[in-house]
All heavy atoms as atom14 arrays in JSON, in Angstrom:
{
  "sequence": "TPAATPTKPGAPVASVCVDPSGRLLVTGHEDSVCSLYDVRGSRCIQA",
  "atom14_mask": [
    [1, 1, 1, 1, 1, 1, 1, 0, 0, 0, 0, 0, 0, 0],
    [1, 1, 1, 1, 1, 1, 1, 0, 0, 0, 0, 0, 0, 0],
    [1, 1, 1, 1, 1, 0, 0, 0, 0, 0, 0, 0, 0, 0],
    [1, 1, 1, 1, 1, 0, 0, 0, 0, 0, 0, 0, 0, 0],
    [1, 1, 1, 1, 1, 1, 1, 0, 0, 0, 0, 0, 0, 0],
    [1, 1, 1, 1, 1, 1, 1, 0, 0, 0, 0, 0, 0, 0],
    [1, 1, 1, 1, 1, 1, 1, 0, 0, 0, 0, 0, 0, 0],
    [1, 1, 1, 1, 1, 1, 1, 1, 1, 0, 0, 0, 0, 0],
    [1, 1, 1, 1, 1, 1, 1, 0, 0, 0, 0, 0, 0, 0],
    [1, 1, 1, 1, 0, 0, 0, 0, 0, 0, 0, 0, 0, 0],
    [1, 1, 1, 1, 1, 0, 0, 0, 0, 0, 0, 0, 0, 0],
    [1, 1, 1, 1, 1, 1, 1, 0, 0, 0, 0, 0, 0, 0],
    [1, 1, 1, 1, 1, 1, 1, 0, 0, 0, 0, 0, 0, 0],
    [1, 1, 1, 1, 1, 0, 0, 0, 0, 0, 0, 0, 0, 0],
    [1, 1, 1, 1, 1, 1, 0, 0, 0, 0, 0, 0, 0, 0],
    [1, 1, 1, 1, 1, 1, 1, 0, 0, 0, 0, 0, 0, 0],
    [1, 1, 1, 1, 1, 1, 0, 0, 0, 0, 0, 0, 0, 0],
    [1, 1, 1, 1, 1, 1, 1, 0, 0, 0, 0, 0, 0, 0],
    [1, 1, 1, 1, 1, 1, 1, 1, 0, 0, 0, 0, 0, 0],
    [1, 1, 1, 1, 1, 1, 1, 0, 0, 0, 0, 0, 0, 0],
    [1, 1, 1, 1, 1, 1, 0, 0, 0, 0, 0, 0, 0, 0],
    [1, 1, 1, 1, 0, 0, 0, 0, 0, 0, 0, 0, 0, 0],
    [1, 1, 1, 1, 1, 1, 1, 1, 1, 1, 1, 0, 0, 0],
    [1, 1, 1, 1, 1, 1, 1, 1, 0, 0, 0, 0, 0, 0],
    [1, 1, 1, 1, 1, 1, 1, 1, 0, 0, 0, 0, 0, 0],
    [1, 1, 1, 1, 1, 1, 1, 0, 0, 0, 0, 0, 0, 0],
    [1, 1, 1, 1, 1, 1, 1, 0, 0, 0, 0, 0, 0, 0],
    [1, 1, 1, 1, 0, 0, 0, 0, 0, 0, 0, 0, 0, 0],
    [1, 1, 1, 1, 1, 1, 1, 1, 1, 1, 0, 0, 0, 0],
    [1, 1, 1, 1, 1, 1, 1, 1, 1, 0, 0, 0, 0, 0],
    [1, 1, 1, 1, 1, 1, 1, 1, 0, 0, 0, 0, 0, 0],
    [1, 1, 1, 1, 1, 1, 0, 0, 0, 0, 0, 0, 0, 0],
    [1, 1, 1, 1, 1, 1, 1, 0, 0, 0, 0, 0, 0, 0],
    [1, 1, 1, 1, 1, 1, 0, 0, 0, 0, 0, 0, 0, 0],
    [1, 1, 1, 1, 1, 1, 0, 0, 0, 0, 0, 0, 0, 0],
    [1, 1, 1, 1, 1, 1, 1, 1, 0, 0, 0, 0, 0, 0],
    [1, 1, 1, 1, 1, 1, 1, 1, 1, 1, 1, 1, 0, 0],
    [1, 1, 1, 1, 1, 1, 1, 1, 0, 0, 0, 0, 0, 0],
    [1, 1, 1, 1, 1, 1, 1, 0, 0, 0, 0, 0, 0, 0],
    [1, 1, 1, 1, 1, 1, 1, 1, 1, 1, 1, 0, 0, 0],
    [1, 1, 1, 1, 0, 0, 0, 0, 0, 0, 0, 0, 0, 0],
    [1, 1, 1, 1, 1, 1, 0, 0, 0, 0, 0, 0, 0, 0],
    [1, 1, 1, 1, 1, 1, 1, 1, 1, 1, 1, 0, 0, 0],
    [1, 1, 1, 1, 1, 1, 0, 0, 0, 0, 0, 0, 0, 0],
    [1, 1, 1, 1, 1, 1, 1, 1, 0, 0, 0, 0, 0, 0],
    [1, 1, 1, 1, 1, 1, 1, 1, 1, 0, 0, 0, 0, 0],
    [1, 1, 1, 1, 1, 0, 0, 0, 0, 0, 0, 0, 0, 0]
  ],
  "atom14_positions": [
    [[-2.06, 4.56, 5.16], [-1.36, 5.6, 4.51], [-0.2, 4.99, 3.73], [0.54, 4.11, 4.31], [-0.86, 6.55, 5.63], [-1.98, 7.06, 6.33], [-0.1, 7.77, 4.91], [0.0, 0.0, 0.0], [0.0, 0.0, 0.0], [0.0, 0.0, 0.0], [0.0, 0.0, 0.0], [0.0, 0.0, 0.0], [0.0, 0.0, 0.0], [0.0, 0.0, 0.0]],
    [[0.11, 5.38, 2.59], [1.32, 4.91, 1.81], [2.52, 5.12, 2.58], [2.67, 6.16, 3.28], [1.23, 5.74, 0.5], [-0.16, 6.35, 0.27], [-0.69, 6.45, 1.71], [0.0, 0.0, 0.0], [0.0, 0.0, 0.0], [0.0, 0.0, 0.0], [0.0, 0.0, 0.0], [0.0, 0.0, 0.0], [0.0, 0.0, 0.0], [0.0, 0.0, 0.0]],
    [[3.41, 4.21, 2.42], [4.75, 4.26, 3.13], [5.45, 5.48, 2.68], [5.42, 5.96, 1.5], [5.53, 3.07, 2.85], [0.0, 0.0, 0.0], [0.0, 0.0, 0.0], [0.0, 0.0, 0.0], [0.0, 0.0, 0.0], [0.0, 0.0, 0.0], [0.0, 0.0, 0.0], [0.0, 0.0, 0.0], [0.0, 0.0, 0.0], [0.0, 0.0, 0.0]],
    [[6.2, 6.11, 3.54], [7.06, 7.3, 3.28], [8.32, 7.18, 4.07], [8.45, 6.41, 4.99], [6.25, 8.54, 3.69], [0.0, 0.0, 0.0], [0.0, 0.0, 0.0], [0.0, 0.0, 0.0], [0.0, 0.0, 0.0], [0.0, 0.0, 0.0], [0.0, 0.0, 0.0], [0.0, 0.0, 0.0], [0.0, 0.0, 0.0], [0.0, 0.0, 0.0]],
    [[9.24, 7.94, 3.64], [10.56, 8.08, 4.4], [10.59, 9.52, 4.93], [9.8, 10.35, 4.57], [11.71, 7.86, 3.35], [11.81, 8.88, 2.46], [11.63, 6.5, 2.72], [0.0, 0.0, 0.0], [0.0, 0.0, 0.0], [0.0, 0.0, 0.0], [0.0, 0.0, 0.0], [0.0, 0.0, 0.0], [0.0, 0.0, 0.0], [0.0, 0.0, 0.0]],
    [[11.53, 9.74, 5.85], [11.6, 11.15, 6.38], [11.88, 12.2, 5.4], [11.45, 13.3, 5.59], [12.79, 10.94, 7.35], [12.9, 9.61, 7.68], [12.48, 8.89, 6.44], [0.0, 0.0, 0.0], [0.0, 0.0, 0.0], [0.0, 0.0, 0.0], [0.0, 0.0, 0.0], [0.0, 0.0, 0.0], [0.0, 0.0, 0.0], [0.0, 0.0, 0.0]],
    [[12.47, 11.83, 4.21], [12.69, 12.89, 3.19], [11.77, 12.86, 1.96], [11.79, 13.74, 1.23], [14.23, 12.7, 2.69], [14.31, 11.4, 2.16], [15.15, 12.91, 3.75], [0.0, 0.0, 0.0], [0.0, 0.0, 0.0], [0.0, 0.0, 0.0], [0.0, 0.0, 0.0], [0.0, 0.0, 0.0], [0.0, 0.0, 0.0], [0.0, 0.0, 0.0]],
    [[10.97, 11.74, 1.84], [10.1, 11.61, 0.72], [8.78, 11.1, 1.16], [8.62, 10.05, 1.74], [10.74, 10.59, -0.25], [9.89, 10.39, -1.45], [10.51, 9.3, -2.34], [9.54, 8.95, -3.41], [9.77, 7.6, -3.91], [0.0, 0.0, 0.0], [0.0, 0.0, 0.0], [0.0, 0.0, 0.0], [0.0, 0.0, 0.0], [0.0, 0.0, 0.0]],
    [[7.68, 11.87, 0.9], [6.31, 11.4, 1.14], [5.9, 10.25, 0.26], [6.61, 9.97, -0.77], [5.45, 12.62, 0.78], [6.28, 13.42, -0.14], [7.69, 13.17, 0.17], [0.0, 0.0, 0.0], [0.0, 0.0, 0.0], [0.0, 0.0, 0.0], [0.0, 0.0, 0.0], [0.0, 0.0, 0.0], [0.0, 0.0, 0.0], [0.0, 0.0, 0.0]],
    [[4.97, 9.42, 0.7], [4.51, 8.34, -0.13], [3.98, 8.85, -1.46], [3.41, 9.91, -1.56], [0.0, 0.0, 0.0], [0.0, 0.0, 0.0], [0.0, 0.0, 0.0], [0.0, 0.0, 0.0], [0.0, 0.0, 0.0], [0.0, 0.0, 0.0], [0.0, 0.0, 0.0], [0.0, 0.0, 0.0], [0.0, 0.0, 0.0], [0.0, 0.0, 0.0]],
    [[4.23, 8.14, -2.56], [3.8, 8.55, -3.9], [2.32, 8.43, -4.01], [1.74, 7.57, -3.32], [4.48, 7.7, -4.9], [0.0, 0.0, 0.0], [0.0, 0.0, 0.0], [0.0, 0.0, 0.0], [0.0, 0.0, 0.0], [0.0, 0.0, 0.0], [0.0, 0.0, 0.0], [0.0, 0.0, 0.0], [0.0, 0.0, 0.0], [0.0, 0.0, 0.0]],
    [[1.63, 9.2, -4.86], [0.25, 9.09, -5.02], [-0.28, 7.76, -5.39], [0.39, 6.99, -6.19], [-0.05, 10.12, -6.14], [1.03, 11.05, -6.13], [2.31, 10.26, -5.69], [0.0, 0.0, 0.0], [0.0, 0.0, 0.0], [0.0, 0.0, 0.0], [0.0, 0.0, 0.0], [0.0, 0.0, 0.0], [0.0, 0.0, 0.0], [0.0, 0.0, 0.0]],
    [[-1.35, 7.25, -4.8], [-1.92, 5.98, -5.18], [-2.69, 6.14, -6.51], [-3.54, 6.98, -6.64], [-2.89, 5.52, -4.06], [-3.57, 4.22, -4.46], [-2.12, 5.4, -2.77], [0.0, 0.0, 0.0], [0.0, 0.0, 0.0], [0.0, 0.0, 0.0], [0.0, 0.0, 0.0], [0.0, 0.0, 0.0], [0.0, 0.0, 0.0], [0.0, 0.0, 0.0]],
    [[-2.33, 5.19, -7.47], [-2.99, 5.2, -8.77], [-4.0, 4.09, -8.93], [-4.84, 4.14, -9.79], [-1.91, 5.17, -9.81], [0.0, 0.0, 0.0], [0.0, 0.0, 0.0], [0.0, 0.0, 0.0], [0.0, 0.0, 0.0], [0.0, 0.0, 0.0], [0.0, 0.0, 0.0], [0.0, 0.0, 0.0], [0.0, 0.0, 0.0], [0.0, 0.0, 0.0]],
    [[-3.82, 3.04, -8.04], [-4.79, 1.91, -8.14], [-4.78, 1.18, -6.79], [-3.86, 1.21, -6.04], [-4.38, 0.99, -9.3], [-3.0, 0.57, -9.08], [0.0, 0.0, 0.0], [0.0, 0.0, 0.0], [0.0, 0.0, 0.0], [0.0, 0.0, 0.0], [0.0, 0.0, 0.0], [0.0, 0.0, 0.0], [0.0, 0.0, 0.0], [0.0, 0.0, 0.0]],
    [[-5.98, 0.5, -6.59], [-6.13, -0.2, -5.25], [-7.02, -1.35, -5.44], [-7.81, -1.36, -6.3], [-6.69, 0.79, -4.23], [-8.04, 1.26, -4.56], [-6.7, 0.22, -2.93], [0.0, 0.0, 0.0], [0.0, 0.0, 0.0], [0.0, 0.0, 0.0], [0.0, 0.0, 0.0], [0.0, 0.0, 0.0], [0.0, 0.0, 0.0], [0.0, 0.0, 0.0]],
    [[-6.82, -2.44, -4.65], [-7.7, -3.61, -4.68], [-7.66, -4.35, -3.33], [-6.56, -4.35, -2.7], [-7.18, -4.57, -5.78], [-8.31, -5.93, -6.09], [0.0, 0.0, 0.0], [0.0, 0.0, 0.0], [0.0, 0.0, 0.0], [0.0, 0.0, 0.0], [0.0, 0.0, 0.0], [0.0, 0.0, 0.0], [0.0, 0.0, 0.0], [0.0, 0.0, 0.0]],
    [[-8.69, -4.92, -2.95], [-8.79, -5.77, -1.78], [-8.97, -7.2, -2.19], [-9.71, -7.52, -3.15], [-9.91, -5.32, -0.85], [-10.18, -6.27, 0.36], [-9.75, -3.85, -0.41], [0.0, 0.0, 0.0], [0.0, 0.0, 0.0], [0.0, 0.0, 0.0], [0.0, 0.0, 0.0], [0.0, 0.0, 0.0], [0.0, 0.0, 0.0], [0.0, 0.0, 0.0]],
    [[-8.31, -8.13, -1.52], [-8.36, -9.58, -1.94], [-9.81, -10.1, -1.56], [-10.5, -9.45, -0.73], [-7.29, -10.4, -1.36], [-7.51, -10.85, 0.08], [-8.06, -10.11, 0.87], [-7.25, -11.98, 0.37], [0.0, 0.0, 0.0], [0.0, 0.0, 0.0], [0.0, 0.0, 0.0], [0.0, 0.0, 0.0], [0.0, 0.0, 0.0], [0.0, 0.0, 0.0]],
    [[-10.23, -11.23, -2.19], [-11.59, -11.71, -1.92], [-11.89, -12.05, -0.43], [-12.99, -11.97, -0.05], [-11.57, -13.0, -2.78], [-10.61, -12.77, -3.89], [-9.56, -11.97, -3.22], [0.0, 0.0, 0.0], [0.0, 0.0, 0.0], [0.0, 0.0, 0.0], [0.0, 0.0, 0.0], [0.0, 0.0, 0.0], [0.0, 0.0, 0.0], [0.0, 0.0, 0.0]],
    [[-10.85, -12.37, 0.38], [-11.09, -12.59, 1.73], [-11.26, -11.33, 2.56], [-11.72, -11.35, 3.77], [-9.91, -13.43, 2.42], [-8.76, -12.56, 2.61], [0.0, 0.0, 0.0], [0.0, 0.0, 0.0], [0.0, 0.0, 0.0], [0.0, 0.0, 0.0], [0.0, 0.0, 0.0], [0.0, 0.0, 0.0], [0.0, 0.0, 0.0], [0.0, 0.0, 0.0]],
    [[-10.84, -10.17, 2.0], [-10.94, -8.92, 2.75], [-9.75, -8.71, 3.75], [-9.71, -7.73, 4.49], [0.0, 0.0, 0.0], [0.0, 0.0, 0.0], [0.0, 0.0, 0.0], [0.0, 0.0, 0.0], [0.0, 0.0, 0.0], [0.0, 0.0, 0.0], [0.0, 0.0, 0.0], [0.0, 0.0, 0.0], [0.0, 0.0, 0.0], [0.0, 0.0, 0.0]],
    [[-8.74, -9.61, 3.74], [-7.61, -9.49, 4.65], [-6.44, -8.69, 4.06], [-5.71, -8.09, 4.89], [-7.13, -10.8, 5.03], [-8.18, -11.62, 5.88], [-7.58, -13.02, 6.31], [-7.5, -13.77, 5.13], [-7.44, -15.06, 5.09], [-7.42, -15.71, 6.27], [-7.35, -15.75, 4.01], [0.0, 0.0, 0.0], [0.0, 0.0, 0.0], [0.0, 0.0, 0.0]],
    [[-6.34, -8.75, 2.73], [-5.21, -8.06, 2.14], [-5.67, -6.8, 1.19], [-6.63, -6.96, 0.61], [-4.35, -8.97, 1.32], [-3.67, -10.07, 2.06], [-3.08, -11.1, 0.96], [-2.6, -9.57, 2.9], [0.0, 0.0, 0.0], [0.0, 0.0, 0.0], [0.0, 0.0, 0.0], [0.0, 0.0, 0.0], [0.0, 0.0, 0.0], [0.0, 0.0, 0.0]],
    [[-4.88, -5.74, 1.29], [-5.06, -4.62, 0.41], [-3.79, -4.42, -0.35], [-2.71, -4.61, 0.23], [-5.41, -3.36, 1.24], [-5.43, -2.04, 0.48], [-6.81, -1.8, -0.06], [-4.99, -0.96, 1.37], [0.0, 0.0, 0.0], [0.0, 0.0, 0.0], [0.0, 0.0, 0.0], [0.0, 0.0, 0.0], [0.0, 0.0, 0.0], [0.0, 0.0, 0.0]],
    [[-3.9, -4.13, -1.66], [-2.71, -3.84, -2.38], [-2.97, -2.52, -3.1], [-4.07, -2.13, -3.59], [-2.28, -5.02, -3.31], [-3.38, -5.08, -4.47], [-0.96, -4.74, -4.05], [0.0, 0.0, 0.0], [0.0, 0.0, 0.0], [0.0, 0.0, 0.0], [0.0, 0.0, 0.0], [0.0, 0.0, 0.0], [0.0, 0.0, 0.0], [0.0, 0.0, 0.0]],
    [[-1.83, -1.68, -3.2], [-2.02, -0.45, -3.84], [-0.84, -0.3, -4.88], [0.24, -0.75, -4.68], [-1.78, 0.74, -2.84], [-0.55, 0.66, -2.1], [-3.01, 0.77, -1.88], [0.0, 0.0, 0.0], [0.0, 0.0, 0.0], [0.0, 0.0, 0.0], [0.0, 0.0, 0.0], [0.0, 0.0, 0.0], [0.0, 0.0, 0.0], [0.0, 0.0, 0.0]],
    [[-1.15, 0.34, -6.02], [-0.13, 0.67, -7.06], [0.02, 2.22, -7.06], [-0.94, 2.91, -6.96], [0.0, 0.0, 0.0], [0.0, 0.0, 0.0], [0.0, 0.0, 0.0], [0.0, 0.0, 0.0], [0.0, 0.0, 0.0], [0.0, 0.0, 0.0], [0.0, 0.0, 0.0], [0.0, 0.0, 0.0], [0.0, 0.0, 0.0], [0.0, 0.0, 0.0]],
    [[1.26, 2.5, -7.13], [1.68, 3.98, -7.05], [2.3, 4.62, -8.23], [2.8, 3.85, -9.12], [2.54, 4.16, -5.8], [1.99, 3.72, -4.52], [1.38, 4.56, -3.69], [1.89, 2.47, -4.06], [0.95, 3.86, -2.63], [1.25, 2.62, -2.76], [0.0, 0.0, 0.0], [0.0, 0.0, 0.0], [0.0, 0.0, 0.0], [0.0, 0.0, 0.0]],
    [[2.29, 5.85, -8.34], [2.86, 6.55, -9.52], [4.45, 6.41, -9.49], [5.02, 6.71, -10.58], [2.52, 8.11, -9.48], [0.98, 8.32, -9.86], [0.57, 9.69, -9.82], [1.49, 10.6, -9.6], [-0.6, 10.01, -10.12], [0.0, 0.0, 0.0], [0.0, 0.0, 0.0], [0.0, 0.0, 0.0], [0.0, 0.0, 0.0], [0.0, 0.0, 0.0]],
    [[5.06, 5.99, -8.51], [6.47, 5.82, -8.47], [6.91, 4.31, -8.86], [8.0, 3.98, -8.57], [7.12, 6.29, -7.19], [6.72, 5.42, -6.0], [5.89, 4.56, -6.13], [7.19, 5.6, -4.92], [0.0, 0.0, 0.0], [0.0, 0.0, 0.0], [0.0, 0.0, 0.0], [0.0, 0.0, 0.0], [0.0, 0.0, 0.0], [0.0, 0.0, 0.0]],
    [[6.03, 3.57, -9.4], [6.17, 2.15, -9.81], [6.17, 1.21, -8.63], [6.39, 0.0, -8.81], [7.38, 2.0, -10.73], [8.57, 2.05, -10.01], [0.0, 0.0, 0.0], [0.0, 0.0, 0.0], [0.0, 0.0, 0.0], [0.0, 0.0, 0.0], [0.0, 0.0, 0.0], [0.0, 0.0, 0.0], [0.0, 0.0, 0.0], [0.0, 0.0, 0.0]],
    [[5.94, 1.62, -7.38], [5.87, 0.73, -6.21], [4.48, 0.14, -6.03], [3.5, 0.84, -6.23], [6.37, 1.58, -4.99], [6.05, 0.69, -3.75], [7.75, 1.87, -5.1], [0.0, 0.0, 0.0], [0.0, 0.0, 0.0], [0.0, 0.0, 0.0], [0.0, 0.0, 0.0], [0.0, 0.0, 0.0], [0.0, 0.0, 0.0], [0.0, 0.0, 0.0]],
    [[4.37, -1.13, -5.57], [3.18, -1.68, -5.17], [3.36, -1.99, -3.7], [4.41, -2.4, -3.26], [2.93, -3.06, -5.9], [2.55, -2.92, -7.58], [0.0, 0.0, 0.0], [0.0, 0.0, 0.0], [0.0, 0.0, 0.0], [0.0, 0.0, 0.0], [0.0, 0.0, 0.0], [0.0, 0.0, 0.0], [0.0, 0.0, 0.0], [0.0, 0.0, 0.0]],
    [[2.39, -1.67, -2.82], [2.43, -1.94, -1.46], [1.3, -2.98, -1.06], [0.16, -2.8, -1.44], [2.29, -0.65, -0.64], [3.31, 0.23, -0.93], [0.0, 0.0, 0.0], [0.0, 0.0, 0.0], [0.0, 0.0, 0.0], [0.0, 0.0, 0.0], [0.0, 0.0, 0.0], [0.0, 0.0, 0.0], [0.0, 0.0, 0.0], [0.0, 0.0, 0.0]],
    [[1.72, -4.02, -0.32], [0.81, -4.97, 0.18], [0.6, -4.81, 1.64], [1.55, -4.67, 2.39], [1.45, -6.37, -0.09], [0.6, -7.56, 0.12], [-0.64, -7.64, -0.78], [1.42, -8.86, -0.11], [0.0, 0.0, 0.0], [0.0, 0.0, 0.0], [0.0, 0.0, 0.0], [0.0, 0.0, 0.0], [0.0, 0.0, 0.0], [0.0, 0.0, 0.0]],
    [[-0.63, -4.7, 2.11], [-1.06, -4.39, 3.44], [-1.88, -5.47, 4.09], [-2.73, -6.12, 3.43], [-1.88, -3.08, 3.55], [-1.12, -1.84, 3.02], [-1.33, -1.44, 1.68], [-0.37, -1.09, 3.89], [-0.64, -0.28, 1.22], [0.25, 0.05, 3.46], [0.15, 0.39, 2.06], [0.77, 1.59, 1.66], [0.0, 0.0, 0.0], [0.0, 0.0, 0.0]],
    [[-1.72, -5.63, 5.41], [-2.56, -6.51, 6.2], [-3.67, -5.48, 6.74], [-3.38, -4.53, 7.48], [-1.77, -7.0, 7.35], [-2.55, -7.75, 8.42], [-3.83, -7.79, 8.19], [-2.06, -8.1, 9.47], [0.0, 0.0, 0.0], [0.0, 0.0, 0.0], [0.0, 0.0, 0.0], [0.0, 0.0, 0.0], [0.0, 0.0, 0.0], [0.0, 0.0, 0.0]],
    [[-4.92, -5.71, 6.24], [-6.03, -4.78, 6.57], [-6.33, -4.86, 8.02], [-6.42, -3.79, 8.7], [-7.27, -5.1, 5.75], [-8.49, -4.36, 6.21], [-6.96, -4.87, 4.31], [0.0, 0.0, 0.0], [0.0, 0.0, 0.0], [0.0, 0.0, 0.0], [0.0, 0.0, 0.0], [0.0, 0.0, 0.0], [0.0, 0.0, 0.0], [0.0, 0.0, 0.0]],
    [[-6.38, -6.04, 8.65], [-6.82, -6.11, 10.06], [-5.8, -5.5, 10.92], [-6.04, -4.93, 11.93], [-7.06, -7.57, 10.39], [-8.26, -8.05, 9.65], [-8.62, -9.51, 10.01], [-9.78, -9.98, 9.26], [-9.96, -11.26, 8.97], [-9.07, -12.15, 9.32], [-11.0, -11.57, 8.31], [0.0, 0.0, 0.0], [0.0, 0.0, 0.0], [0.0, 0.0, 0.0]],
    [[-4.43, -5.74, 10.55], [-3.39, -5.25, 11.48], [-2.99, -3.84, 11.13], [-2.14, -3.26, 11.8], [0.0, 0.0, 0.0], [0.0, 0.0, 0.0], [0.0, 0.0, 0.0], [0.0, 0.0, 0.0], [0.0, 0.0, 0.0], [0.0, 0.0, 0.0], [0.0, 0.0, 0.0], [0.0, 0.0, 0.0], [0.0, 0.0, 0.0], [0.0, 0.0, 0.0]],
    [[-3.54, -3.22, 10.03], [-3.21, -1.97, 9.54], [-1.71, -1.65, 9.41], [-1.17, -0.63, 9.86], [-3.83, -0.84, 10.52], [-5.24, -0.94, 10.48], [0.0, 0.0, 0.0], [0.0, 0.0, 0.0], [0.0, 0.0, 0.0], [0.0, 0.0, 0.0], [0.0, 0.0, 0.0], [0.0, 0.0, 0.0], [0.0, 0.0, 0.0], [0.0, 0.0, 0.0]],
    [[-1.08, -2.66, 8.77], [0.41, -2.57, 8.6], [0.77, -2.96, 7.25], [0.13, -3.8, 6.53], [1.18, -3.39, 9.58], [0.92, -4.86, 9.41], [1.66, -5.75, 10.44], [1.54, -7.17, 10.16], [2.29, -7.81, 9.35], [3.35, -7.24, 8.72], [2.1, -9.13, 9.13], [0.0, 0.0, 0.0], [0.0, 0.0, 0.0], [0.0, 0.0, 0.0]],
    [[1.86, -2.34, 6.72], [2.43, -2.75, 5.49], [3.16, -4.06, 5.59], [4.12, -4.16, 6.41], [3.32, -1.64, 4.96], [3.88, -1.9, 3.29], [0.0, 0.0, 0.0], [0.0, 0.0, 0.0], [0.0, 0.0, 0.0], [0.0, 0.0, 0.0], [0.0, 0.0, 0.0], [0.0, 0.0, 0.0], [0.0, 0.0, 0.0], [0.0, 0.0, 0.0]],
    [[2.9, -5.03, 4.77], [3.63, -6.27, 4.73], [4.93, -6.12, 3.97], [5.97, -6.51, 4.38], [2.72, -7.41, 4.15], [1.52, -7.61, 5.03], [3.57, -8.73, 4.04], [0.49, -8.51, 4.49], [0.0, 0.0, 0.0], [0.0, 0.0, 0.0], [0.0, 0.0, 0.0], [0.0, 0.0, 0.0], [0.0, 0.0, 0.0], [0.0, 0.0, 0.0]],
    [[4.78, -5.48, 2.87], [5.96, -5.25, 2.02], [5.62, -4.26, 0.86], [4.5, -4.17, 0.49], [6.65, -6.43, 1.49], [5.97, -7.18, 0.37], [7.05, -8.04, -0.4], [7.88, -7.56, -1.1], [6.97, -9.37, -0.04], [0.0, 0.0, 0.0], [0.0, 0.0, 0.0], [0.0, 0.0, 0.0], [0.0, 0.0, 0.0], [0.0, 0.0, 0.0]],
    [[6.62, -3.68, 0.32], [6.59, -2.91, -0.88], [7.49, -3.45, -1.92], [8.57, -3.87, -1.6], [6.94, -1.36, -0.62], [0.0, 0.0, 0.0], [0.0, 0.0, 0.0], [0.0, 0.0, 0.0], [0.0, 0.0, 0.0], [0.0, 0.0, 0.0], [0.0, 0.0, 0.0], [0.0, 0.0, 0.0], [0.0, 0.0, 0.0], [0.0, 0.0, 0.0]]
  ]
}
């Protein structure tokens, strides 16, 4: 799920890609944010 704050839901996902190893997922959002995720750990590494 895209990162959100208590006052603002995560912005809509406009693009997505998984790295060749299948370990990382990256999303591009309508609010200009990119989020990098650890797929196996199901956690956001950073935005």
